[in-house]
Amino acid sequence: AESDAVFLENVNISDGQLVRVGRPGEAATDKIQQAGFVWFEMLMTSGYLGIVSGLLSRVLDGNRGDPGSRIQLVAAIESSAASLESVAVQLDADGPSESLLSRVLLCRYAAQRTIVSVVDECVELLGGMAFISPGSDVHLYAEASRCLAFHPPGLQRAAPALIDSLSGGALRIV
């Protein structure tokens, strides 16, 4: 989560075993890296959408809140899931690319915001007793759902590169 580093010493690795990250002035990423990063972002984001879906299921099963509020929560999560699905469809159809990597990052950062707002609303609709009752895991779901923001690359780190890529530049997250 961009917080630790592992240093290996006296390890023999051939050039063919290395995955090189682009440096300024070089191609930002190759196809293998692009595919790996796209898959990583899709899997991480969908996992966290799954966490919030668990809380949302409790809201729906308990008929908490008014129908309009519940359907807006469902729509928000479904929209995030659909955006990831469209990335997966494009990946299958066209293969990895720098533009697809930009797109999946945008989907991920939008989902991060959606997850925070939907979790907050779900927790409120479920009520304080659901949050603090012994044996309740509502607080664990709420805390765990926030961790997508800690997976690399963080929004603040990636934002300048994404802005550049939207203007036609290469995606280089440093």
N, C-alpha and C. Protein backbone atom coordinates (compact mmCIF):
# COMPACT_ATOMS: atom_id res chain seq x y z
N ALA A 1 0.83 -1.19 0.00
CA ALA A 1 0.00 0.00 0.00
C ALA A 1 0.86 1.24 0.00
N GLU A 2 1.91 1.22 -0.79
CA GLU A 2 2.83 2.34 -0.92
C GLU A 2 3.48 2.72 0.41
N SER A 3 3.59 1.76 1.33
CA SER A 3 4.14 2.10 2.63
C SER A 3 5.37 1.29 3.01
N ASP A 4 5.65 0.22 2.31
CA ASP A 4 6.78 -0.62 2.65
C ASP A 4 7.58 -0.96 1.40
N ALA A 5 8.82 -1.31 1.60
CA ALA A 5 9.68 -1.73 0.50
C ALA A 5 10.40 -2.98 0.92
N VAL A 6 10.65 -3.85 -0.04
CA VAL A 6 11.43 -5.06 0.19
C VAL A 6 12.68 -4.97 -0.64
N PHE A 7 13.82 -5.12 -0.01
CA PHE A 7 15.09 -5.07 -0.70
C PHE A 7 15.72 -6.45 -0.67
N LEU A 8 16.07 -6.96 -1.83
CA LEU A 8 16.71 -8.26 -1.93
C LEU A 8 18.17 -8.05 -2.26
N GLU A 9 19.03 -8.81 -1.60
CA GLU A 9 20.46 -8.71 -1.86
C GLU A 9 20.98 -10.08 -2.28
N ASN A 10 21.96 -10.06 -3.18
CA ASN A 10 22.61 -11.29 -3.64
C ASN A 10 21.61 -12.28 -4.24
N VAL A 11 20.67 -11.77 -5.03
CA VAL A 11 19.69 -12.60 -5.71
C VAL A 11 19.98 -12.51 -7.20
N ASN A 12 20.14 -13.65 -7.85
CA ASN A 12 20.41 -13.68 -9.28
C ASN A 12 19.09 -13.72 -10.05
N ILE A 13 18.87 -12.70 -10.86
CA ILE A 13 17.67 -12.60 -11.69
C ILE A 13 18.12 -12.27 -13.10
N SER A 14 17.64 -13.06 -14.06
CA SER A 14 18.00 -12.79 -15.45
C SER A 14 17.18 -11.62 -15.97
N ASP A 15 17.63 -10.99 -17.05
CA ASP A 15 16.91 -9.87 -17.64
C ASP A 15 15.49 -10.25 -18.04
N GLY A 16 15.31 -11.50 -18.47
CA GLY A 16 13.98 -11.95 -18.88
C GLY A 16 12.98 -12.06 -17.75
N GLN A 17 13.46 -12.08 -16.52
CA GLN A 17 12.59 -12.19 -15.36
C GLN A 17 12.21 -10.83 -14.78
N LEU A 18 12.78 -9.78 -15.29
CA LEU A 18 12.51 -8.44 -14.77
C LEU A 18 11.30 -7.83 -15.45
N VAL A 19 10.49 -7.13 -14.67
CA VAL A 19 9.41 -6.31 -15.21
C VAL A 19 9.83 -4.88 -14.97
N ARG A 20 10.11 -4.19 -16.04
CA ARG A 20 10.62 -2.82 -15.93
C ARG A 20 9.49 -1.81 -16.02
N VAL A 21 9.55 -0.83 -15.16
CA VAL A 21 8.58 0.27 -15.18
C VAL A 21 9.19 1.39 -16.00
N GLY A 22 8.37 2.02 -16.82
CA GLY A 22 8.88 3.09 -17.67
C GLY A 22 9.48 4.23 -16.88
N ARG A 23 10.45 4.86 -17.49
CA ARG A 23 11.09 6.03 -16.89
C ARG A 23 10.79 7.24 -17.76
N PRO A 24 10.88 8.43 -17.22
CA PRO A 24 10.63 9.62 -18.04
C PRO A 24 11.46 9.57 -19.32
N GLY A 25 10.80 9.86 -20.44
CA GLY A 25 11.47 9.83 -21.72
C GLY A 25 11.36 8.49 -22.42
N GLU A 26 10.88 7.46 -21.72
CA GLU A 26 10.68 6.15 -22.31
C GLU A 26 9.19 5.87 -22.39
N ALA A 27 8.84 4.78 -23.05
CA ALA A 27 7.44 4.36 -23.03
C ALA A 27 7.04 4.11 -21.58
N ALA A 28 5.89 4.59 -21.19
CA ALA A 28 5.49 4.51 -19.79
C ALA A 28 5.37 3.06 -19.32
N THR A 29 4.71 2.23 -20.06
CA THR A 29 4.55 0.83 -19.68
C THR A 29 4.46 -0.02 -20.93
N ASP A 30 4.87 -1.28 -20.83
CA ASP A 30 4.70 -2.18 -21.97
C ASP A 30 3.37 -2.91 -21.82
N LYS A 31 3.03 -3.75 -22.78
CA LYS A 31 1.73 -4.42 -22.80
C LYS A 31 1.53 -5.34 -21.59
N ILE A 32 2.58 -6.03 -21.18
CA ILE A 32 2.45 -6.92 -20.03
C ILE A 32 2.16 -6.12 -18.76
N GLN A 33 2.88 -5.02 -18.57
CA GLN A 33 2.64 -4.18 -17.41
C GLN A 33 1.24 -3.57 -17.47
N GLN A 34 0.85 -3.11 -18.66
CA GLN A 34 -0.47 -2.51 -18.80
C GLN A 34 -1.55 -3.51 -18.42
N ALA A 35 -1.43 -4.73 -18.92
CA ALA A 35 -2.43 -5.76 -18.59
C ALA A 35 -2.43 -6.03 -17.09
N GLY A 36 -1.26 -6.15 -16.50
CA GLY A 36 -1.18 -6.40 -15.07
C GLY A 36 -1.79 -5.29 -14.24
N PHE A 37 -1.50 -4.06 -14.60
CA PHE A 37 -2.05 -2.92 -13.86
C PHE A 37 -3.56 -2.82 -14.05
N VAL A 38 -4.04 -3.06 -15.26
CA VAL A 38 -5.49 -3.00 -15.50
C VAL A 38 -6.18 -4.07 -14.67
N TRP A 39 -5.66 -5.29 -14.71
CA TRP A 39 -6.26 -6.37 -13.92
C TRP A 39 -6.21 -6.05 -12.43
N PHE A 40 -5.08 -5.56 -11.96
CA PHE A 40 -4.95 -5.22 -10.54
C PHE A 40 -6.02 -4.21 -10.14
N GLU A 41 -6.16 -3.15 -10.91
CA GLU A 41 -7.15 -2.11 -10.58
C GLU A 41 -8.57 -2.66 -10.63
N MET A 42 -8.86 -3.48 -11.64
CA MET A 42 -10.21 -4.05 -11.72
C MET A 42 -10.50 -4.95 -10.53
N LEU A 43 -9.55 -5.83 -10.18
CA LEU A 43 -9.77 -6.76 -9.08
C LEU A 43 -9.87 -6.05 -7.74
N MET A 44 -8.99 -5.08 -7.51
CA MET A 44 -9.04 -4.36 -6.24
C MET A 44 -10.35 -3.59 -6.11
N THR A 45 -10.71 -2.88 -7.15
CA THR A 45 -11.93 -2.07 -7.09
C THR A 45 -13.16 -2.94 -6.93
N SER A 46 -13.22 -4.03 -7.68
CA SER A 46 -14.40 -4.91 -7.57
C SER A 46 -14.47 -5.55 -6.19
N GLY A 47 -13.34 -5.87 -5.60
CA GLY A 47 -13.34 -6.42 -4.25
C GLY A 47 -13.94 -5.46 -3.24
N TYR A 48 -13.57 -4.22 -3.33
CA TYR A 48 -14.11 -3.22 -2.40
C TYR A 48 -15.57 -2.91 -2.70
N LEU A 49 -15.96 -2.98 -3.97
CA LEU A 49 -17.39 -2.84 -4.29
C LEU A 49 -18.17 -4.00 -3.68
N GLY A 50 -17.55 -5.16 -3.61
CA GLY A 50 -18.18 -6.30 -2.95
C GLY A 50 -18.41 -6.07 -1.48
N ILE A 51 -17.46 -5.44 -0.82
CA ILE A 51 -17.61 -5.13 0.60
C ILE A 51 -18.81 -4.23 0.83
N VAL A 52 -18.88 -3.16 0.06
CA VAL A 52 -19.99 -2.23 0.25
C VAL A 52 -21.31 -2.87 -0.17
N SER A 53 -21.27 -3.80 -1.11
CA SER A 53 -22.49 -4.50 -1.51
C SER A 53 -23.04 -5.34 -0.36
N GLY A 54 -22.15 -5.86 0.49
CA GLY A 54 -22.59 -6.60 1.67
C GLY A 54 -23.38 -5.72 2.63
N LEU A 55 -22.89 -4.52 2.84
CA LEU A 55 -23.63 -3.58 3.69
C LEU A 55 -24.94 -3.17 3.04
N LEU A 56 -24.90 -2.93 1.75
CA LEU A 56 -26.10 -2.53 1.03
C LEU A 56 -27.16 -3.63 1.08
N SER A 57 -26.74 -4.87 1.01
CA SER A 57 -27.69 -5.98 1.11
C SER A 57 -28.43 -5.95 2.43
N ARG A 58 -27.73 -5.60 3.49
CA ARG A 58 -28.37 -5.51 4.81
C ARG A 58 -29.41 -4.39 4.84
N VAL A 59 -29.08 -3.28 4.18
CA VAL A 59 -30.04 -2.17 4.11
C VAL A 59 -31.27 -2.61 3.34
N LEU A 60 -31.06 -3.28 2.22
CA LEU A 60 -32.18 -3.72 1.39
C LEU A 60 -33.00 -4.80 2.09
N ASP A 61 -32.33 -5.78 2.68
CA ASP A 61 -33.04 -6.86 3.37
C ASP A 61 -33.85 -6.36 4.55
N GLY A 62 -33.36 -5.30 5.22
CA GLY A 62 -34.05 -4.74 6.37
C GLY A 62 -35.03 -3.64 6.02
N ASN A 63 -35.17 -3.36 4.71
CA ASN A 63 -36.05 -2.26 4.27
C ASN A 63 -35.76 -0.97 5.03
N ARG A 64 -34.47 -0.69 5.19
CA ARG A 64 -34.06 0.51 5.92
C ARG A 64 -34.13 1.71 4.98
N GLY A 65 -34.64 2.81 5.46
CA GLY A 65 -34.75 4.02 4.65
C GLY A 65 -35.90 3.92 3.67
N ASP A 66 -36.12 4.98 2.96
CA ASP A 66 -37.22 4.99 1.98
C ASP A 66 -36.76 4.35 0.67
N PRO A 67 -37.69 3.87 -0.14
CA PRO A 67 -37.32 3.19 -1.40
C PRO A 67 -36.46 4.06 -2.32
N GLY A 68 -36.71 5.34 -2.37
CA GLY A 68 -35.92 6.22 -3.22
C GLY A 68 -34.46 6.27 -2.79
N SER A 69 -34.22 6.33 -1.50
CA SER A 69 -32.85 6.33 -0.99
C SER A 69 -32.16 5.01 -1.27
N ARG A 70 -32.88 3.92 -1.08
CA ARG A 70 -32.28 2.59 -1.32
C ARG A 70 -31.92 2.42 -2.79
N ILE A 71 -32.80 2.84 -3.67
CA ILE A 71 -32.52 2.64 -5.10
C ILE A 71 -31.36 3.52 -5.56
N GLN A 72 -31.19 4.69 -4.98
CA GLN A 72 -30.05 5.53 -5.33
C GLN A 72 -28.74 4.86 -4.90
N LEU A 73 -28.74 4.19 -3.77
CA LEU A 73 -27.55 3.47 -3.33
C LEU A 73 -27.24 2.32 -4.28
N VAL A 74 -28.28 1.58 -4.65
CA VAL A 74 -28.09 0.48 -5.61
C VAL A 74 -27.56 1.02 -6.93
N ALA A 75 -28.15 2.10 -7.42
CA ALA A 75 -27.72 2.68 -8.70
C ALA A 75 -26.27 3.12 -8.65
N ALA A 76 -25.84 3.68 -7.54
CA ALA A 76 -24.45 4.14 -7.42
C ALA A 76 -23.49 2.96 -7.52
N ILE A 77 -23.78 1.87 -6.81
CA ILE A 77 -22.90 0.70 -6.85
C ILE A 77 -22.97 0.03 -8.21
N GLU A 78 -24.15 -0.10 -8.77
CA GLU A 78 -24.29 -0.72 -10.09
C GLU A 78 -23.55 0.08 -11.16
N SER A 79 -23.56 1.39 -11.06
CA SER A 79 -22.85 2.23 -12.03
C SER A 79 -21.34 2.00 -11.95
N SER A 80 -20.83 1.90 -10.73
CA SER A 80 -19.40 1.63 -10.57
C SER A 80 -19.04 0.26 -11.11
N ALA A 81 -19.88 -0.73 -10.82
CA ALA A 81 -19.62 -2.08 -11.32
C ALA A 81 -19.69 -2.12 -12.84
N ALA A 82 -20.64 -1.40 -13.41
CA ALA A 82 -20.78 -1.38 -14.87
C ALA A 82 -19.58 -0.70 -15.53
N SER A 83 -19.03 0.31 -14.90
CA SER A 83 -17.86 0.97 -15.48
C SER A 83 -16.67 0.02 -15.50
N LEU A 84 -16.51 -0.77 -14.45
CA LEU A 84 -15.44 -1.77 -14.43
C LEU A 84 -15.68 -2.86 -15.46
N GLU A 85 -16.93 -3.25 -15.60
CA GLU A 85 -17.26 -4.28 -16.59
C GLU A 85 -16.94 -3.80 -18.00
N SER A 86 -17.19 -2.53 -18.27
CA SER A 86 -16.89 -2.01 -19.61
C SER A 86 -15.38 -2.02 -19.87
N VAL A 87 -14.58 -1.81 -18.84
CA VAL A 87 -13.12 -1.90 -18.98
C VAL A 87 -12.74 -3.35 -19.30
N ALA A 88 -13.36 -4.30 -18.60
CA ALA A 88 -13.06 -5.72 -18.84
C ALA A 88 -13.44 -6.12 -20.26
N VAL A 89 -14.57 -5.65 -20.74
CA VAL A 89 -15.00 -5.95 -22.11
C VAL A 89 -14.00 -5.38 -23.11
N GLN A 90 -13.56 -4.15 -22.88
CA GLN A 90 -12.58 -3.54 -23.77
C GLN A 90 -11.25 -4.26 -23.71
N LEU A 91 -10.85 -4.70 -22.53
CA LEU A 91 -9.60 -5.45 -22.38
C LEU A 91 -9.68 -6.75 -23.18
N ASP A 92 -10.80 -7.45 -23.09
CA ASP A 92 -10.98 -8.69 -23.86
C ASP A 92 -10.98 -8.42 -25.36
N ALA A 93 -11.62 -7.34 -25.77
CA ALA A 93 -11.76 -7.04 -27.20
C ALA A 93 -10.48 -6.51 -27.83
N ASP A 94 -9.81 -5.60 -27.14
CA ASP A 94 -8.70 -4.86 -27.75
C ASP A 94 -7.34 -5.13 -27.10
N GLY A 95 -7.32 -5.78 -25.95
CA GLY A 95 -6.07 -5.98 -25.25
C GLY A 95 -5.70 -4.75 -24.44
N PRO A 96 -4.61 -4.86 -23.69
CA PRO A 96 -4.21 -3.75 -22.82
C PRO A 96 -3.68 -2.57 -23.63
N SER A 97 -3.83 -1.40 -23.05
CA SER A 97 -3.29 -0.18 -23.67
C SER A 97 -3.14 0.87 -22.58
N GLU A 98 -2.38 1.88 -22.91
CA GLU A 98 -2.20 2.98 -21.97
C GLU A 98 -3.51 3.71 -21.73
N SER A 99 -4.32 3.86 -22.78
CA SER A 99 -5.60 4.55 -22.60
C SER A 99 -6.56 3.74 -21.73
N LEU A 100 -6.49 2.40 -21.84
CA LEU A 100 -7.34 1.58 -20.99
C LEU A 100 -6.88 1.64 -19.53
N LEU A 101 -5.58 1.74 -19.34
CA LEU A 101 -5.07 1.90 -17.98
C LEU A 101 -5.55 3.22 -17.39
N SER A 102 -5.53 4.28 -18.17
CA SER A 102 -6.07 5.56 -17.70
C SER A 102 -7.54 5.42 -17.35
N ARG A 103 -8.26 4.73 -18.21
CA ARG A 103 -9.71 4.57 -18.01
C ARG A 103 -10.02 3.77 -16.74
N VAL A 104 -9.28 2.69 -16.49
CA VAL A 104 -9.56 1.90 -15.30
C VAL A 104 -9.20 2.68 -14.04
N LEU A 105 -8.17 3.50 -14.11
CA LEU A 105 -7.84 4.33 -12.95
C LEU A 105 -8.95 5.33 -12.68
N LEU A 106 -9.50 5.92 -13.72
CA LEU A 106 -10.62 6.85 -13.53
C LEU A 106 -11.82 6.13 -12.92
N CYS A 107 -12.10 4.92 -13.39
CA CYS A 107 -13.19 4.12 -12.82
C CYS A 107 -12.93 3.83 -11.35
N ARG A 108 -11.70 3.48 -11.05
CA ARG A 108 -11.33 3.15 -9.66
C ARG A 108 -11.51 4.36 -8.75
N TYR A 109 -11.03 5.53 -9.17
CA TYR A 109 -11.13 6.70 -8.30
C TYR A 109 -12.58 7.16 -8.15
N ALA A 110 -13.38 7.01 -9.19
CA ALA A 110 -14.81 7.31 -9.06
C ALA A 110 -15.46 6.33 -8.09
N ALA A 111 -15.10 5.05 -8.20
CA ALA A 111 -15.65 4.04 -7.29
C ALA A 111 -15.24 4.33 -5.84
N GLN A 112 -14.01 4.79 -5.63
CA GLN A 112 -13.58 5.13 -4.27
C GLN A 112 -14.52 6.13 -3.63
N ARG A 113 -14.86 7.16 -4.37
CA ARG A 113 -15.77 8.19 -3.84
C ARG A 113 -17.16 7.62 -3.61
N THR A 114 -17.61 6.81 -4.57
CA THR A 114 -18.93 6.18 -4.44
C THR A 114 -18.98 5.29 -3.22
N ILE A 115 -17.95 4.49 -3.03
CA ILE A 115 -17.90 3.58 -1.89
C ILE A 115 -18.02 4.34 -0.58
N VAL A 116 -17.27 5.42 -0.44
CA VAL A 116 -17.32 6.21 0.80
C VAL A 116 -18.73 6.73 1.05
N SER A 117 -19.35 7.30 0.04
CA SER A 117 -20.68 7.88 0.26
C SER A 117 -21.74 6.80 0.49
N VAL A 118 -21.66 5.69 -0.22
CA VAL A 118 -22.64 4.62 -0.03
C VAL A 118 -22.47 3.96 1.34
N VAL A 119 -21.23 3.72 1.75
CA VAL A 119 -21.00 3.13 3.07
C VAL A 119 -21.53 4.06 4.16
N ASP A 120 -21.24 5.34 4.06
CA ASP A 120 -21.73 6.28 5.06
C ASP A 120 -23.26 6.22 5.16
N GLU A 121 -23.91 6.21 4.02
CA GLU A 121 -25.38 6.17 4.00
C GLU A 121 -25.90 4.84 4.55
N CYS A 122 -25.27 3.73 4.17
CA CYS A 122 -25.70 2.42 4.66
C CYS A 122 -25.57 2.33 6.17
N VAL A 123 -24.43 2.78 6.69
CA VAL A 123 -24.21 2.72 8.14
C VAL A 123 -25.27 3.56 8.85
N GLU A 124 -25.57 4.72 8.31
CA GLU A 124 -26.59 5.57 8.94
C GLU A 124 -27.95 4.90 8.88
N LEU A 125 -28.30 4.31 7.73
CA LEU A 125 -29.60 3.67 7.60
C LEU A 125 -29.71 2.42 8.48
N LEU A 126 -28.62 1.71 8.66
CA LEU A 126 -28.65 0.52 9.52
C LEU A 126 -28.79 0.89 10.99
N GLY A 127 -28.32 2.08 11.34
CA GLY A 127 -28.51 2.58 12.69
C GLY A 127 -27.36 2.28 13.63
N GLY A 128 -27.36 3.01 14.70
CA GLY A 128 -26.29 2.93 15.69
C GLY A 128 -26.18 1.58 16.36
N MET A 129 -27.32 0.93 16.61
CA MET A 129 -27.27 -0.37 17.27
C MET A 129 -26.61 -1.41 16.38
N ALA A 130 -26.86 -1.35 15.08
CA ALA A 130 -26.20 -2.29 14.16
C ALA A 130 -24.70 -2.04 14.13
N PHE A 131 -24.31 -0.81 14.38
CA PHE A 131 -22.90 -0.45 14.34
C PHE A 131 -22.17 -0.90 15.61
N ILE A 132 -22.82 -0.78 16.76
CA ILE A 132 -22.11 -1.03 18.02
C ILE A 132 -22.49 -2.33 18.71
N SER A 133 -23.49 -3.04 18.23
CA SER A 133 -23.94 -4.26 18.91
C SER A 133 -22.84 -5.32 18.92
N PRO A 134 -22.71 -6.04 20.04
CA PRO A 134 -21.73 -7.13 20.10
C PRO A 134 -22.02 -8.14 18.98
N GLY A 135 -20.98 -8.56 18.33
CA GLY A 135 -21.14 -9.53 17.25
C GLY A 135 -21.45 -8.90 15.90
N SER A 136 -21.75 -7.62 15.89
CA SER A 136 -22.02 -6.95 14.62
C SER A 136 -20.71 -6.68 13.89
N ASP A 137 -20.73 -6.86 12.60
CA ASP A 137 -19.52 -6.57 11.81
C ASP A 137 -19.70 -5.36 10.90
N VAL A 138 -20.74 -4.58 11.16
CA VAL A 138 -20.99 -3.39 10.34
C VAL A 138 -19.80 -2.45 10.38
N HIS A 139 -19.24 -2.24 11.55
CA HIS A 139 -18.09 -1.33 11.66
C HIS A 139 -16.88 -1.89 10.92
N LEU A 140 -16.71 -3.21 10.89
CA LEU A 140 -15.59 -3.80 10.15
C LEU A 140 -15.75 -3.59 8.65
N TYR A 141 -16.96 -3.79 8.15
CA TYR A 141 -17.22 -3.54 6.73
C TYR A 141 -16.97 -2.07 6.41
N ALA A 142 -17.43 -1.19 7.28
CA ALA A 142 -17.25 0.25 7.04
C ALA A 142 -15.78 0.62 7.00
N GLU A 143 -15.00 0.08 7.94
CA GLU A 143 -13.57 0.38 7.96
C GLU A 143 -12.84 -0.23 6.78
N ALA A 144 -13.13 -1.49 6.49
CA ALA A 144 -12.44 -2.19 5.40
C ALA A 144 -12.73 -1.56 4.04
N SER A 145 -13.93 -1.04 3.89
CA SER A 145 -14.30 -0.47 2.59
C SER A 145 -13.48 0.76 2.23
N ARG A 146 -12.88 1.41 3.22
CA ARG A 146 -12.10 2.63 2.98
C ARG A 146 -10.69 2.35 2.48
N CYS A 147 -10.26 1.10 2.52
CA CYS A 147 -8.86 0.78 2.24
C CYS A 147 -8.48 0.81 0.76
N LEU A 148 -9.43 0.90 -0.13
CA LEU A 148 -9.09 1.00 -1.56
C LEU A 148 -8.18 2.20 -1.80
N ALA A 149 -8.39 3.25 -1.06
CA ALA A 149 -7.58 4.47 -1.23
C ALA A 149 -6.11 4.24 -0.91
N PHE A 150 -5.80 3.17 -0.17
CA PHE A 150 -4.41 2.92 0.21
C PHE A 150 -3.66 2.04 -0.80
N HIS A 151 -4.36 1.50 -1.78
CA HIS A 151 -3.69 0.68 -2.79
C HIS A 151 -3.08 1.58 -3.86
N PRO A 152 -1.90 1.22 -4.31
CA PRO A 152 -1.25 2.07 -5.31
C PRO A 152 -1.91 1.93 -6.68
N PRO A 153 -1.81 2.95 -7.47
CA PRO A 153 -1.30 4.28 -7.12
C PRO A 153 -2.41 5.12 -6.48
N GLY A 154 -2.06 5.83 -5.43
CA GLY A 154 -3.00 6.72 -4.78
C GLY A 154 -3.41 7.84 -5.71
N LEU A 155 -4.59 8.37 -5.46
CA LEU A 155 -5.14 9.43 -6.31
C LEU A 155 -4.21 10.63 -6.44
N GLN A 156 -3.67 11.10 -5.33
CA GLN A 156 -2.81 12.29 -5.39
C GLN A 156 -1.56 12.03 -6.21
N ARG A 157 -1.07 10.81 -6.15
CA ARG A 157 0.13 10.47 -6.91
C ARG A 157 -0.18 10.32 -8.40
N ALA A 158 -1.34 9.78 -8.72
CA ALA A 158 -1.68 9.50 -10.12
C ALA A 158 -2.34 10.67 -10.84
N ALA A 159 -2.93 11.59 -10.10
CA ALA A 159 -3.71 12.66 -10.72
C ALA A 159 -2.94 13.46 -11.78
N PRO A 160 -1.72 13.92 -11.52
CA PRO A 160 -1.01 14.67 -12.56
C PRO A 160 -0.80 13.86 -13.84
N ALA A 161 -0.47 12.59 -13.69
CA ALA A 161 -0.26 11.74 -14.86
C ALA A 161 -1.56 11.52 -15.62
N LEU A 162 -2.66 11.37 -14.90
CA LEU A 162 -3.95 11.19 -15.57
C LEU A 162 -4.36 12.45 -16.32
N ILE A 163 -4.14 13.60 -15.71
CA ILE A 163 -4.44 14.86 -16.39
C ILE A 163 -3.62 14.96 -17.68
N ASP A 164 -2.34 14.63 -17.61
CA ASP A 164 -1.49 14.65 -18.80
C ASP A 164 -2.01 13.69 -19.86
N SER A 165 -2.41 12.48 -19.45
CA SER A 165 -2.87 11.49 -20.42
C SER A 165 -4.18 11.92 -21.07
N LEU A 166 -5.04 12.62 -20.34
CA LEU A 166 -6.29 13.11 -20.91
C LEU A 166 -6.04 14.21 -21.94
N SER A 167 -4.88 14.84 -21.83
CA SER A 167 -4.51 15.89 -22.79
C SER A 167 -3.66 15.34 -23.94
N GLY A 168 -3.56 14.01 -24.01
CA GLY A 168 -2.81 13.40 -25.11
C GLY A 168 -1.41 12.98 -24.75
N GLY A 169 -0.96 13.26 -23.54
CA GLY A 169 0.39 12.86 -23.14
C GLY A 169 0.44 11.40 -22.70
N ALA A 170 1.63 10.93 -22.44
CA ALA A 170 1.81 9.56 -21.97
C ALA A 170 1.45 9.47 -20.50
N LEU A 171 0.94 8.32 -20.10
CA LEU A 171 0.61 8.08 -18.70
C LEU A 171 1.88 7.63 -17.98
N ARG A 172 2.43 8.51 -17.17
CA ARG A 172 3.65 8.20 -16.41
C ARG A 172 3.40 8.54 -14.96
N ILE A 173 3.15 7.52 -14.17
CA ILE A 173 2.92 7.71 -12.74
C ILE A 173 4.24 7.49 -12.04
N VAL A 174 4.74 8.54 -11.42
CA VAL A 174 6.03 8.46 -10.74
C VAL A 174 5.86 8.50 -9.25
